[in-house]
Amino acid sequence: MEPFVVIIIFLFIALVIRLLAGSMDGGRIENYVREHGWKLIDKSWDPFGPGWFVEKNDRIYQIVYEDLQGDTHKANVKTSLFSGVYLTNDHVVKHAKKAVPKVEENLRSENERLKARIWELEKGQSE
């Protein structure tokens, strides 16, 4: 066999293995996010992400997800078949708008009403 053909076959096999590993990584990351109750917004392979130089077996991805409070996070993920999923450099990039619940508004108005009534009663006793 020609050396050129051997190199081409080797590169093809390496590419197929990498694509299969990437497919399994994607499912593993999606399951991890779903198990925590988060919503995955974006996922991309980040071959030169944090720790790429020292990692021999783990692949690195960058994800964007929404947590249970509605905050949007950006994080790096390290994963491989045997190491599981690990988040690094996780930080909030957008805070969710916190709506004031109707119950809090009702409590606030009731508190004001009671303060006014106490003031009336105190005023009535001093006269």
N, C-alpha and C. Protein backbone atom coordinates (compact mmCIF):
# COMPACT_ATOMS: atom_id res chain seq x y z
N MET A 1 0.84 -1.19 0.00
CA MET A 1 0.00 0.00 0.00
C MET A 1 0.87 1.24 0.00
N GLU A 2 0.42 2.20 -0.70
CA GLU A 2 1.14 3.48 -0.76
C GLU A 2 1.05 4.20 0.58
N PRO A 3 2.11 4.89 1.02
CA PRO A 3 2.07 5.64 2.28
C PRO A 3 0.98 6.71 2.29
N PHE A 4 0.72 7.30 1.13
CA PHE A 4 -0.30 8.33 1.03
C PHE A 4 -1.69 7.77 1.36
N VAL A 5 -1.99 6.57 0.87
CA VAL A 5 -3.28 5.92 1.12
C VAL A 5 -3.43 5.59 2.60
N VAL A 6 -2.35 5.12 3.21
CA VAL A 6 -2.38 4.79 4.64
C VAL A 6 -2.67 6.04 5.47
N ILE A 7 -2.06 7.14 5.10
CA ILE A 7 -2.29 8.41 5.82
C ILE A 7 -3.74 8.85 5.67
N ILE A 8 -4.27 8.76 4.49
CA ILE A 8 -5.67 9.14 4.23
C ILE A 8 -6.61 8.26 5.04
N ILE A 9 -6.37 6.96 5.07
CA ILE A 9 -7.22 6.04 5.84
C ILE A 9 -7.13 6.37 7.33
N PHE A 10 -5.92 6.61 7.82
CA PHE A 10 -5.74 6.96 9.22
C PHE A 10 -6.50 8.25 9.56
N LEU A 11 -6.39 9.28 8.72
CA LEU A 11 -7.10 10.54 8.95
C LEU A 11 -8.62 10.34 8.93
N PHE A 12 -9.09 9.51 8.03
CA PHE A 12 -10.53 9.23 7.95
C PHE A 12 -11.02 8.54 9.22
N ILE A 13 -10.27 7.55 9.69
CA ILE A 13 -10.65 6.85 10.93
C ILE A 13 -10.63 7.81 12.12
N ALA A 14 -9.62 8.66 12.21
CA ALA A 14 -9.54 9.64 13.29
C ALA A 14 -10.73 10.60 13.26
N LEU A 15 -11.13 11.03 12.07
CA LEU A 15 -12.26 11.93 11.92
C LEU A 15 -13.56 11.26 12.36
N VAL A 16 -13.75 10.01 11.97
CA VAL A 16 -14.96 9.27 12.36
C VAL A 16 -15.02 9.10 13.87
N ILE A 17 -13.90 8.76 14.49
CA ILE A 17 -13.86 8.60 15.95
C ILE A 17 -14.18 9.92 16.64
N ARG A 18 -13.62 11.03 16.14
CA ARG A 18 -13.88 12.34 16.74
C ARG A 18 -15.35 12.73 16.61
N LEU A 19 -15.96 12.46 15.47
CA LEU A 19 -17.37 12.78 15.27
C LEU A 19 -18.26 11.95 16.19
N LEU A 20 -17.94 10.68 16.36
CA LEU A 20 -18.71 9.83 17.27
C LEU A 20 -18.57 10.31 18.72
N ALA A 21 -17.35 10.65 19.11
CA ALA A 21 -17.12 11.14 20.48
C ALA A 21 -17.88 12.45 20.69
N GLY A 22 -17.87 13.33 19.70
CA GLY A 22 -18.59 14.60 19.81
C GLY A 22 -20.08 14.40 19.94
N SER A 23 -20.61 13.42 19.22
CA SER A 23 -22.04 13.12 19.31
C SER A 23 -22.41 12.63 20.70
N MET A 24 -21.59 11.76 21.26
CA MET A 24 -21.85 11.26 22.61
C MET A 24 -21.67 12.37 23.64
N ASP A 25 -20.69 13.25 23.44
CA ASP A 25 -20.48 14.38 24.35
C ASP A 25 -21.72 15.27 24.39
N GLY A 26 -22.28 15.54 23.22
CA GLY A 26 -23.46 16.39 23.15
C GLY A 26 -24.61 15.84 23.97
N GLY A 27 -24.86 14.56 23.84
CA GLY A 27 -25.93 13.93 24.63
C GLY A 27 -25.64 13.97 26.12
N ARG A 28 -24.39 13.75 26.48
CA ARG A 28 -24.00 13.76 27.89
C ARG A 28 -24.20 15.16 28.48
N ILE A 29 -23.81 16.19 27.74
CA ILE A 29 -23.96 17.58 28.22
C ILE A 29 -25.44 17.94 28.33
N GLU A 30 -26.22 17.58 27.33
CA GLU A 30 -27.66 17.88 27.36
C GLU A 30 -28.34 17.20 28.55
N ASN A 31 -27.97 15.95 28.83
CA ASN A 31 -28.54 15.25 29.99
C ASN A 31 -28.16 15.93 31.29
N TYR A 32 -26.91 16.37 31.40
CA TYR A 32 -26.43 17.05 32.61
C TYR A 32 -27.25 18.32 32.85
N VAL A 33 -27.42 19.11 31.81
CA VAL A 33 -28.18 20.36 31.93
C VAL A 33 -29.63 20.06 32.31
N ARG A 34 -30.25 19.11 31.65
CA ARG A 34 -31.64 18.76 31.92
C ARG A 34 -31.82 18.23 33.34
N GLU A 35 -30.87 17.41 33.84
CA GLU A 35 -30.97 16.86 35.19
C GLU A 35 -30.98 17.96 36.25
N HIS A 36 -30.33 19.08 35.97
CA HIS A 36 -30.31 20.20 36.91
C HIS A 36 -31.51 21.14 36.74
N GLY A 37 -32.37 20.84 35.76
CA GLY A 37 -33.55 21.65 35.52
C GLY A 37 -33.26 22.90 34.71
N TRP A 38 -32.10 22.96 34.08
CA TRP A 38 -31.72 24.13 33.29
C TRP A 38 -32.19 23.94 31.85
N LYS A 39 -32.09 25.04 31.08
CA LYS A 39 -32.45 25.00 29.67
C LYS A 39 -31.21 25.34 28.85
N LEU A 40 -30.78 24.40 28.01
CA LEU A 40 -29.60 24.61 27.17
C LEU A 40 -29.97 25.52 26.00
N ILE A 41 -29.24 26.63 25.88
CA ILE A 41 -29.50 27.59 24.81
C ILE A 41 -28.53 27.37 23.65
N ASP A 42 -27.24 27.16 23.96
CA ASP A 42 -26.24 27.00 22.91
C ASP A 42 -25.11 26.11 23.41
N LYS A 43 -24.52 25.35 22.49
CA LYS A 43 -23.38 24.49 22.82
C LYS A 43 -22.45 24.47 21.63
N SER A 44 -21.16 24.68 21.87
CA SER A 44 -20.19 24.63 20.77
C SER A 44 -18.87 24.07 21.27
N TRP A 45 -18.20 23.35 20.40
CA TRP A 45 -16.90 22.77 20.72
C TRP A 45 -15.90 23.90 20.84
N ASP A 46 -15.08 23.85 21.89
CA ASP A 46 -14.08 24.89 22.15
C ASP A 46 -12.72 24.21 22.34
N PRO A 47 -12.07 23.80 21.24
CA PRO A 47 -10.84 23.00 21.35
C PRO A 47 -9.71 23.70 22.10
N PHE A 48 -9.70 25.01 22.13
CA PHE A 48 -8.65 25.74 22.85
C PHE A 48 -9.20 26.45 24.08
N GLY A 49 -10.25 25.87 24.68
CA GLY A 49 -10.84 26.43 25.90
C GLY A 49 -9.91 26.25 27.09
N PRO A 50 -10.31 26.76 28.25
CA PRO A 50 -9.47 26.69 29.44
C PRO A 50 -9.04 25.26 29.76
N GLY A 51 -7.75 25.06 29.91
CA GLY A 51 -7.21 23.75 30.27
C GLY A 51 -6.92 22.85 29.09
N TRP A 52 -7.04 23.36 27.86
CA TRP A 52 -6.85 22.51 26.69
C TRP A 52 -5.46 21.92 26.61
N PHE A 53 -4.47 22.64 27.11
CA PHE A 53 -3.09 22.19 26.98
C PHE A 53 -2.78 20.99 27.88
N VAL A 54 -3.39 20.96 29.06
CA VAL A 54 -3.09 19.89 30.01
C VAL A 54 -4.06 18.71 29.92
N GLU A 55 -5.20 18.91 29.28
CA GLU A 55 -6.17 17.83 29.17
C GLU A 55 -5.78 16.88 28.05
N LYS A 56 -5.68 15.63 28.37
CA LYS A 56 -5.32 14.64 27.35
C LYS A 56 -6.56 13.94 26.79
N ASN A 57 -7.52 13.64 27.67
CA ASN A 57 -8.67 12.84 27.25
C ASN A 57 -9.97 13.62 27.19
N ASP A 58 -10.09 14.71 27.94
CA ASP A 58 -11.33 15.47 27.97
C ASP A 58 -11.43 16.40 26.78
N ARG A 59 -12.66 16.57 26.32
CA ARG A 59 -12.94 17.56 25.28
C ARG A 59 -13.63 18.74 25.94
N ILE A 60 -13.41 19.93 25.40
CA ILE A 60 -13.91 21.15 26.02
C ILE A 60 -14.95 21.79 25.12
N TYR A 61 -16.06 22.19 25.74
CA TYR A 61 -17.15 22.85 25.03
C TYR A 61 -17.48 24.15 25.76
N GLN A 62 -18.15 25.05 25.05
CA GLN A 62 -18.67 26.25 25.68
C GLN A 62 -20.19 26.17 25.56
N ILE A 63 -20.89 26.39 26.68
CA ILE A 63 -22.35 26.32 26.65
C ILE A 63 -22.94 27.62 27.19
N VAL A 64 -24.15 27.87 26.78
CA VAL A 64 -24.96 28.96 27.32
C VAL A 64 -26.25 28.29 27.77
N TYR A 65 -26.65 28.56 29.02
CA TYR A 65 -27.86 27.93 29.55
C TYR A 65 -28.62 28.89 30.46
N GLU A 66 -29.89 28.58 30.67
CA GLU A 66 -30.73 29.36 31.56
C GLU A 66 -31.01 28.52 32.80
N ASP A 67 -30.77 29.11 33.99
CA ASP A 67 -30.97 28.37 35.22
C ASP A 67 -32.43 28.45 35.68
N LEU A 68 -32.71 27.88 36.84
CA LEU A 68 -34.08 27.82 37.35
C LEU A 68 -34.66 29.20 37.66
N GLN A 69 -33.81 30.19 37.96
CA GLN A 69 -34.28 31.54 38.26
C GLN A 69 -34.43 32.39 36.99
N GLY A 70 -34.05 31.84 35.84
CA GLY A 70 -34.16 32.56 34.58
C GLY A 70 -32.90 33.32 34.20
N ASP A 71 -31.84 33.23 35.02
CA ASP A 71 -30.57 33.88 34.69
C ASP A 71 -29.88 33.11 33.57
N THR A 72 -29.22 33.84 32.67
CA THR A 72 -28.49 33.21 31.57
C THR A 72 -27.02 33.10 31.95
N HIS A 73 -26.46 31.90 31.84
CA HIS A 73 -25.07 31.61 32.20
C HIS A 73 -24.27 31.26 30.95
N LYS A 74 -22.97 31.53 31.03
CA LYS A 74 -22.02 31.05 30.02
C LYS A 74 -20.97 30.25 30.79
N ALA A 75 -20.63 29.07 30.31
CA ALA A 75 -19.69 28.22 31.02
C ALA A 75 -18.91 27.36 30.04
N ASN A 76 -17.75 26.90 30.50
CA ASN A 76 -16.99 25.90 29.76
C ASN A 76 -17.29 24.56 30.38
N VAL A 77 -17.33 23.54 29.55
CA VAL A 77 -17.64 22.18 30.01
C VAL A 77 -16.51 21.27 29.57
N LYS A 78 -16.03 20.46 30.50
CA LYS A 78 -15.06 19.42 30.18
C LYS A 78 -15.78 18.09 30.30
N THR A 79 -15.59 17.24 29.30
CA THR A 79 -16.26 15.95 29.33
C THR A 79 -15.49 14.91 28.52
N SER A 80 -15.69 13.67 28.88
CA SER A 80 -15.22 12.53 28.09
C SER A 80 -16.06 11.34 28.49
N LEU A 81 -15.84 10.24 27.82
CA LEU A 81 -16.65 9.06 28.06
C LEU A 81 -16.56 8.60 29.52
N PHE A 82 -15.39 8.70 30.13
CA PHE A 82 -15.20 8.16 31.47
C PHE A 82 -15.15 9.21 32.58
N SER A 83 -15.05 10.49 32.24
CA SER A 83 -14.88 11.49 33.31
C SER A 83 -16.16 12.21 33.69
N GLY A 84 -17.24 12.06 32.95
CA GLY A 84 -18.48 12.77 33.27
C GLY A 84 -18.46 14.18 32.69
N VAL A 85 -19.22 15.07 33.31
CA VAL A 85 -19.37 16.45 32.84
C VAL A 85 -18.99 17.39 33.98
N TYR A 86 -18.09 18.33 33.69
CA TYR A 86 -17.65 19.29 34.69
C TYR A 86 -17.73 20.70 34.12
N LEU A 87 -18.42 21.60 34.85
CA LEU A 87 -18.51 23.00 34.44
C LEU A 87 -17.33 23.78 35.01
N THR A 88 -16.75 24.67 34.20
CA THR A 88 -15.72 25.58 34.67
C THR A 88 -16.06 26.97 34.14
N ASN A 89 -15.53 27.98 34.79
CA ASN A 89 -15.73 29.38 34.37
C ASN A 89 -17.20 29.71 34.17
N ASP A 90 -18.05 29.21 35.05
CA ASP A 90 -19.49 29.46 34.95
C ASP A 90 -19.79 30.84 35.52
N HIS A 91 -20.40 31.69 34.71
CA HIS A 91 -20.78 33.03 35.21
C HIS A 91 -22.06 33.49 34.53
N VAL A 92 -22.78 34.35 35.25
CA VAL A 92 -24.05 34.89 34.75
C VAL A 92 -23.75 36.00 33.76
N VAL A 93 -24.33 35.92 32.58
CA VAL A 93 -24.15 36.96 31.58
C VAL A 93 -25.38 37.86 31.46
N LYS A 94 -26.52 37.38 31.97
CA LYS A 94 -27.73 38.18 31.95
C LYS A 94 -28.64 37.74 33.08
N HIS A 95 -28.97 38.69 33.94
CA HIS A 95 -29.88 38.38 35.05
C HIS A 95 -31.32 38.46 34.56
N ALA A 96 -32.15 37.59 35.09
CA ALA A 96 -33.56 37.59 34.74
C ALA A 96 -34.25 38.78 35.40
N LYS A 97 -35.24 39.29 34.73
CA LYS A 97 -36.03 40.37 35.34
C LYS A 97 -36.92 39.73 36.39
N LYS A 98 -36.80 40.22 37.59
CA LYS A 98 -37.58 39.68 38.69
C LYS A 98 -38.90 40.45 38.80
N ALA A 99 -39.99 39.79 38.45
CA ALA A 99 -41.31 40.42 38.57
C ALA A 99 -41.76 40.36 40.02
N VAL A 100 -42.34 41.45 40.50
CA VAL A 100 -42.87 41.46 41.86
C VAL A 100 -44.19 40.71 41.85
N PRO A 101 -44.25 39.64 42.61
CA PRO A 101 -45.48 38.84 42.62
C PRO A 101 -46.66 39.64 43.16
N LYS A 102 -47.85 39.28 42.73
CA LYS A 102 -49.09 39.92 43.17
C LYS A 102 -49.22 39.83 44.69
N VAL A 103 -48.79 38.73 45.28
CA VAL A 103 -48.89 38.55 46.73
C VAL A 103 -48.08 39.63 47.46
N GLU A 104 -46.88 39.93 46.98
CA GLU A 104 -46.06 40.96 47.61
C GLU A 104 -46.73 42.32 47.52
N GLU A 105 -47.34 42.61 46.39
CA GLU A 105 -48.05 43.89 46.24
C GLU A 105 -49.20 43.97 47.23
N ASN A 106 -49.94 42.89 47.38
CA ASN A 106 -51.05 42.86 48.33
C ASN A 106 -50.56 43.04 49.76
N LEU A 107 -49.46 42.38 50.11
CA LEU A 107 -48.90 42.52 51.46
C LEU A 107 -48.43 43.94 51.70
N ARG A 108 -47.82 44.54 50.70
CA ARG A 108 -47.34 45.91 50.84
C ARG A 108 -48.50 46.87 51.10
N SER A 109 -49.59 46.73 50.33
CA SER A 109 -50.74 47.62 50.53
C SER A 109 -51.42 47.36 51.86
N GLU A 110 -51.48 46.10 52.27
CA GLU A 110 -52.07 45.77 53.58
C GLU A 110 -51.21 46.34 54.71
N ASN A 111 -49.90 46.30 54.56
CA ASN A 111 -48.99 46.87 55.56
C ASN A 111 -49.22 48.38 55.69
N GLU A 112 -49.34 49.05 54.58
CA GLU A 112 -49.60 50.50 54.60
C GLU A 112 -50.94 50.81 55.27
N ARG A 113 -51.96 50.01 54.97
CA ARG A 113 -53.28 50.21 55.59
C ARG A 113 -53.21 50.04 57.10
N LEU A 114 -52.49 49.01 57.55
CA LEU A 114 -52.36 48.77 58.99
C LEU A 114 -51.56 49.87 59.68
N LYS A 115 -50.53 50.37 59.05
CA LYS A 115 -49.76 51.49 59.61
C LYS A 115 -50.64 52.71 59.79
N ALA A 116 -51.46 52.98 58.78
CA ALA A 116 -52.37 54.13 58.87
C ALA A 116 -53.37 53.94 60.00
N ARG A 117 -53.88 52.73 60.15
CA ARG A 117 -54.85 52.45 61.23
C ARG A 117 -54.20 52.58 62.59
N ILE A 118 -52.97 52.10 62.75
CA ILE A 118 -52.24 52.24 64.02
C ILE A 118 -52.04 53.72 64.33
N TRP A 119 -51.67 54.49 63.33
CA TRP A 119 -51.46 55.92 63.53
C TRP A 119 -52.76 56.58 63.99
N GLU A 120 -53.91 56.19 63.39
CA GLU A 120 -55.21 56.73 63.79
C GLU A 120 -55.52 56.38 65.24
N LEU A 121 -55.27 55.11 65.61
CA LEU A 121 -55.55 54.67 66.97
C LEU A 121 -54.67 55.39 67.98
N GLU A 122 -53.39 55.55 67.68
CA GLU A 122 -52.47 56.25 68.57
C GLU A 122 -52.87 57.72 68.70
N LYS A 123 -53.29 58.30 67.62
CA LYS A 123 -53.73 59.70 67.62
C LYS A 123 -54.99 59.86 68.46
N GLY A 124 -55.91 58.89 68.37
CA GLY A 124 -57.15 58.91 69.13
C GLY A 124 -56.93 58.76 70.63
N GLN A 125 -55.93 57.99 71.04
CA GLN A 125 -55.63 57.79 72.47
C GLN A 125 -54.98 59.01 73.07
N SER A 126 -54.22 59.76 72.28
CA SER A 126 -53.51 60.91 72.83
C SER A 126 -54.45 62.11 72.98
N GLU A 127 -55.62 62.11 72.38
CA GLU A 127 -56.54 63.23 72.49
C GLU A 127 -57.40 63.17 73.70
